[in-house]
């Protein structure tokens, strides 16, 4: 259970990093699904795939040569 909360905090940080890099944060999603929720898993995958396709290919993001 505690790992879920750590992951949630990391997601917030990762989304901010993505925004900094110019990557649309809608490309990242975290959903809790139990092993018994196969239909929910399939629905989430379909939804995320559809949304990312609508966003389009990753073309422009901030490149920083200082890294």
N, C-alpha and C. Protein backbone atom coordinates (compact mmCIF):
# COMPACT_ATOMS: atom_id res chain seq x y z
N UNK A 1 0.82 -1.19 0.00
CA UNK A 1 0.00 0.00 0.00
C UNK A 1 0.87 1.27 0.00
N UNK A 2 1.93 1.24 0.78
CA UNK A 2 2.80 2.41 0.87
C UNK A 2 3.48 2.69 -0.46
N UNK A 3 3.79 1.64 -1.20
CA UNK A 3 4.42 1.81 -2.51
C UNK A 3 3.55 2.59 -3.47
N UNK A 4 2.23 2.43 -3.37
CA UNK A 4 1.31 3.19 -4.22
C UNK A 4 1.44 4.68 -3.97
N UNK A 5 1.59 5.06 -2.73
CA UNK A 5 1.73 6.48 -2.41
C UNK A 5 3.06 7.05 -2.88
N UNK A 6 4.11 6.25 -2.78
CA UNK A 6 5.41 6.68 -3.31
C UNK A 6 5.33 6.86 -4.83
N UNK A 7 4.68 5.92 -5.48
CA UNK A 7 4.53 6.00 -6.94
C UNK A 7 3.72 7.23 -7.33
N UNK A 8 2.70 7.52 -6.57
CA UNK A 8 1.87 8.70 -6.84
C UNK A 8 2.69 9.99 -6.76
N UNK A 9 3.54 10.07 -5.75
CA UNK A 9 4.39 11.26 -5.62
C UNK A 9 5.39 11.35 -6.77
N UNK A 10 5.93 10.20 -7.17
CA UNK A 10 6.87 10.20 -8.29
C UNK A 10 6.19 10.63 -9.59
N UNK A 11 4.93 10.27 -9.75
CA UNK A 11 4.19 10.66 -10.95
C UNK A 11 4.07 12.18 -11.04
N UNK A 12 3.82 12.83 -9.93
CA UNK A 12 3.72 14.29 -9.91
C UNK A 12 5.04 14.91 -10.37
N UNK A 13 6.13 14.40 -9.85
CA UNK A 13 7.45 14.91 -10.22
C UNK A 13 7.74 14.63 -11.69
N UNK A 14 7.43 13.43 -12.14
CA UNK A 14 7.68 13.07 -13.53
C UNK A 14 6.86 13.94 -14.49
N UNK A 15 5.61 14.22 -14.15
CA UNK A 15 4.79 15.09 -15.00
C UNK A 15 5.39 16.49 -15.10
N UNK A 16 5.90 17.00 -13.98
CA UNK A 16 6.54 18.32 -14.01
C UNK A 16 7.79 18.29 -14.88
N UNK A 17 8.55 17.21 -14.81
CA UNK A 17 9.74 17.07 -15.64
C UNK A 17 9.34 17.01 -17.12
N UNK A 18 8.29 16.29 -17.42
CA UNK A 18 7.82 16.21 -18.80
C UNK A 18 7.41 17.60 -19.32
N UNK A 19 6.70 18.35 -18.49
CA UNK A 19 6.31 19.71 -18.89
C UNK A 19 7.54 20.56 -19.14
N UNK A 20 8.55 20.44 -18.30
CA UNK A 20 9.79 21.20 -18.46
C UNK A 20 10.45 20.86 -19.79
N UNK A 21 10.41 19.58 -20.15
CA UNK A 21 11.02 19.13 -21.40
C UNK A 21 10.15 19.42 -22.61
N UNK A 22 8.93 19.87 -22.37
CA UNK A 22 8.04 20.18 -23.48
C UNK A 22 7.28 18.97 -24.00
N UNK A 23 7.19 17.94 -23.19
CA UNK A 23 6.45 16.74 -23.56
C UNK A 23 5.07 16.81 -22.92
N UNK A 24 4.05 16.61 -23.72
CA UNK A 24 2.68 16.66 -23.24
C UNK A 24 2.48 15.63 -22.13
N UNK A 25 2.10 16.08 -20.95
CA UNK A 25 1.98 15.18 -19.81
C UNK A 25 0.79 14.23 -19.94
N UNK A 26 -0.08 14.45 -20.93
CA UNK A 26 -1.18 13.50 -21.17
C UNK A 26 -0.66 12.17 -21.69
N UNK A 27 0.61 12.12 -22.05
CA UNK A 27 1.21 10.87 -22.51
C UNK A 27 1.50 9.91 -21.36
N UNK A 28 1.35 10.37 -20.15
CA UNK A 28 1.67 9.57 -18.97
C UNK A 28 0.42 9.44 -18.11
N UNK A 29 0.12 8.23 -17.73
CA UNK A 29 -1.04 8.01 -16.88
C UNK A 29 -0.74 6.87 -15.93
N UNK A 30 -1.28 7.00 -14.73
CA UNK A 30 -1.13 5.93 -13.75
C UNK A 30 -2.53 5.56 -13.26
N UNK A 31 -2.83 4.28 -13.33
CA UNK A 31 -4.13 3.79 -12.90
C UNK A 31 -3.92 2.54 -12.06
N UNK A 32 -4.61 2.47 -10.93
CA UNK A 32 -4.54 1.28 -10.11
C UNK A 32 -5.60 0.30 -10.59
N UNK A 33 -5.13 -0.89 -10.93
CA UNK A 33 -6.02 -1.95 -11.40
C UNK A 33 -5.58 -3.25 -10.73
N UNK A 34 -6.54 -3.96 -10.18
CA UNK A 34 -6.18 -5.23 -9.55
C UNK A 34 -6.08 -6.32 -10.60
N UNK A 35 -5.47 -7.42 -10.22
CA UNK A 35 -5.31 -8.55 -11.13
C UNK A 35 -6.65 -9.12 -11.57
N UNK A 36 -7.69 -8.89 -10.79
CA UNK A 36 -9.02 -9.41 -11.11
C UNK A 36 -9.81 -8.50 -12.05
N UNK A 37 -9.23 -7.39 -12.45
CA UNK A 37 -9.94 -6.42 -13.27
C UNK A 37 -9.41 -6.39 -14.71
N UNK A 38 -9.47 -7.52 -15.36
CA UNK A 38 -8.97 -7.64 -16.72
C UNK A 38 -9.69 -6.71 -17.69
N UNK A 39 -11.00 -6.60 -17.56
CA UNK A 39 -11.77 -5.72 -18.45
C UNK A 39 -11.39 -4.26 -18.24
N UNK A 40 -11.18 -3.87 -16.99
CA UNK A 40 -10.78 -2.49 -16.72
C UNK A 40 -9.40 -2.22 -17.33
N UNK A 41 -8.50 -3.17 -17.21
CA UNK A 41 -7.17 -3.02 -17.78
C UNK A 41 -7.27 -2.81 -19.29
N UNK A 42 -8.06 -3.63 -19.96
CA UNK A 42 -8.22 -3.51 -21.41
C UNK A 42 -8.81 -2.14 -21.77
N UNK A 43 -9.79 -1.68 -21.00
CA UNK A 43 -10.40 -0.37 -21.27
C UNK A 43 -9.41 0.77 -21.11
N UNK A 44 -8.59 0.69 -20.07
CA UNK A 44 -7.59 1.73 -19.83
C UNK A 44 -6.58 1.76 -20.96
N UNK A 45 -6.12 0.60 -21.39
CA UNK A 45 -5.15 0.53 -22.49
C UNK A 45 -5.74 1.13 -23.76
N UNK A 46 -6.97 0.79 -24.07
CA UNK A 46 -7.63 1.33 -25.26
C UNK A 46 -7.77 2.84 -25.18
N UNK A 47 -8.17 3.34 -24.02
CA UNK A 47 -8.35 4.78 -23.84
C UNK A 47 -7.03 5.53 -23.98
N UNK A 48 -6.00 5.04 -23.31
CA UNK A 48 -4.69 5.70 -23.36
C UNK A 48 -4.15 5.68 -24.79
N UNK A 49 -4.27 4.55 -25.45
CA UNK A 49 -3.78 4.43 -26.83
C UNK A 49 -4.50 5.43 -27.73
N UNK A 50 -5.81 5.53 -27.58
CA UNK A 50 -6.60 6.46 -28.39
C UNK A 50 -6.16 7.90 -28.14
N UNK A 51 -6.00 8.27 -26.87
CA UNK A 51 -5.62 9.64 -26.52
C UNK A 51 -4.22 9.99 -27.04
N UNK A 52 -3.29 9.07 -26.93
CA UNK A 52 -1.92 9.35 -27.39
C UNK A 52 -1.91 9.47 -28.92
N UNK A 53 -2.69 8.67 -29.60
CA UNK A 53 -2.79 8.80 -31.06
C UNK A 53 -3.37 10.15 -31.44
N UNK A 54 -4.36 10.63 -30.66
CA UNK A 54 -4.95 11.95 -30.93
C UNK A 54 -3.94 13.07 -30.70
N UNK A 55 -3.09 12.91 -29.70
CA UNK A 55 -2.06 13.91 -29.43
C UNK A 55 -1.07 13.96 -30.59
N UNK A 56 -0.79 12.80 -31.16
CA UNK A 56 0.12 12.72 -32.30
C UNK A 56 1.53 12.36 -31.87
N UNK A 57 2.40 12.22 -32.85
CA UNK A 57 3.78 11.82 -32.54
C UNK A 57 4.52 12.90 -31.75
N UNK A 58 5.46 12.47 -30.99
CA UNK A 58 6.30 13.37 -30.22
C UNK A 58 7.27 14.04 -31.18
N UNK A 59 7.07 15.33 -31.40
CA UNK A 59 7.90 16.04 -32.36
C UNK A 59 8.77 17.10 -31.70
N UNK A 60 8.14 17.95 -30.97
CA UNK A 60 8.89 19.07 -30.39
C UNK A 60 8.99 18.90 -28.89
N UNK A 61 10.18 18.80 -28.43
CA UNK A 61 10.40 18.86 -27.00
C UNK A 61 11.71 19.59 -26.76
N UNK A 62 11.80 20.15 -25.58
CA UNK A 62 12.96 20.97 -25.24
C UNK A 62 14.21 20.10 -25.16
N UNK A 63 15.20 20.46 -25.92
CA UNK A 63 16.48 19.75 -25.85
C UNK A 63 17.48 20.68 -25.17
N UNK A 64 18.12 20.14 -24.19
CA UNK A 64 19.06 20.92 -23.43
C UNK A 64 20.41 20.21 -23.51
N UNK A 65 21.36 20.82 -24.16
CA UNK A 65 22.68 20.21 -24.35
C UNK A 65 23.52 20.24 -23.09
N UNK A 66 23.01 20.85 -22.04
CA UNK A 66 23.76 20.91 -20.78
C UNK A 66 23.68 19.61 -20.00
N UNK A 67 22.82 18.68 -20.40
CA UNK A 67 22.65 17.44 -19.67
C UNK A 67 23.76 16.53 -19.92
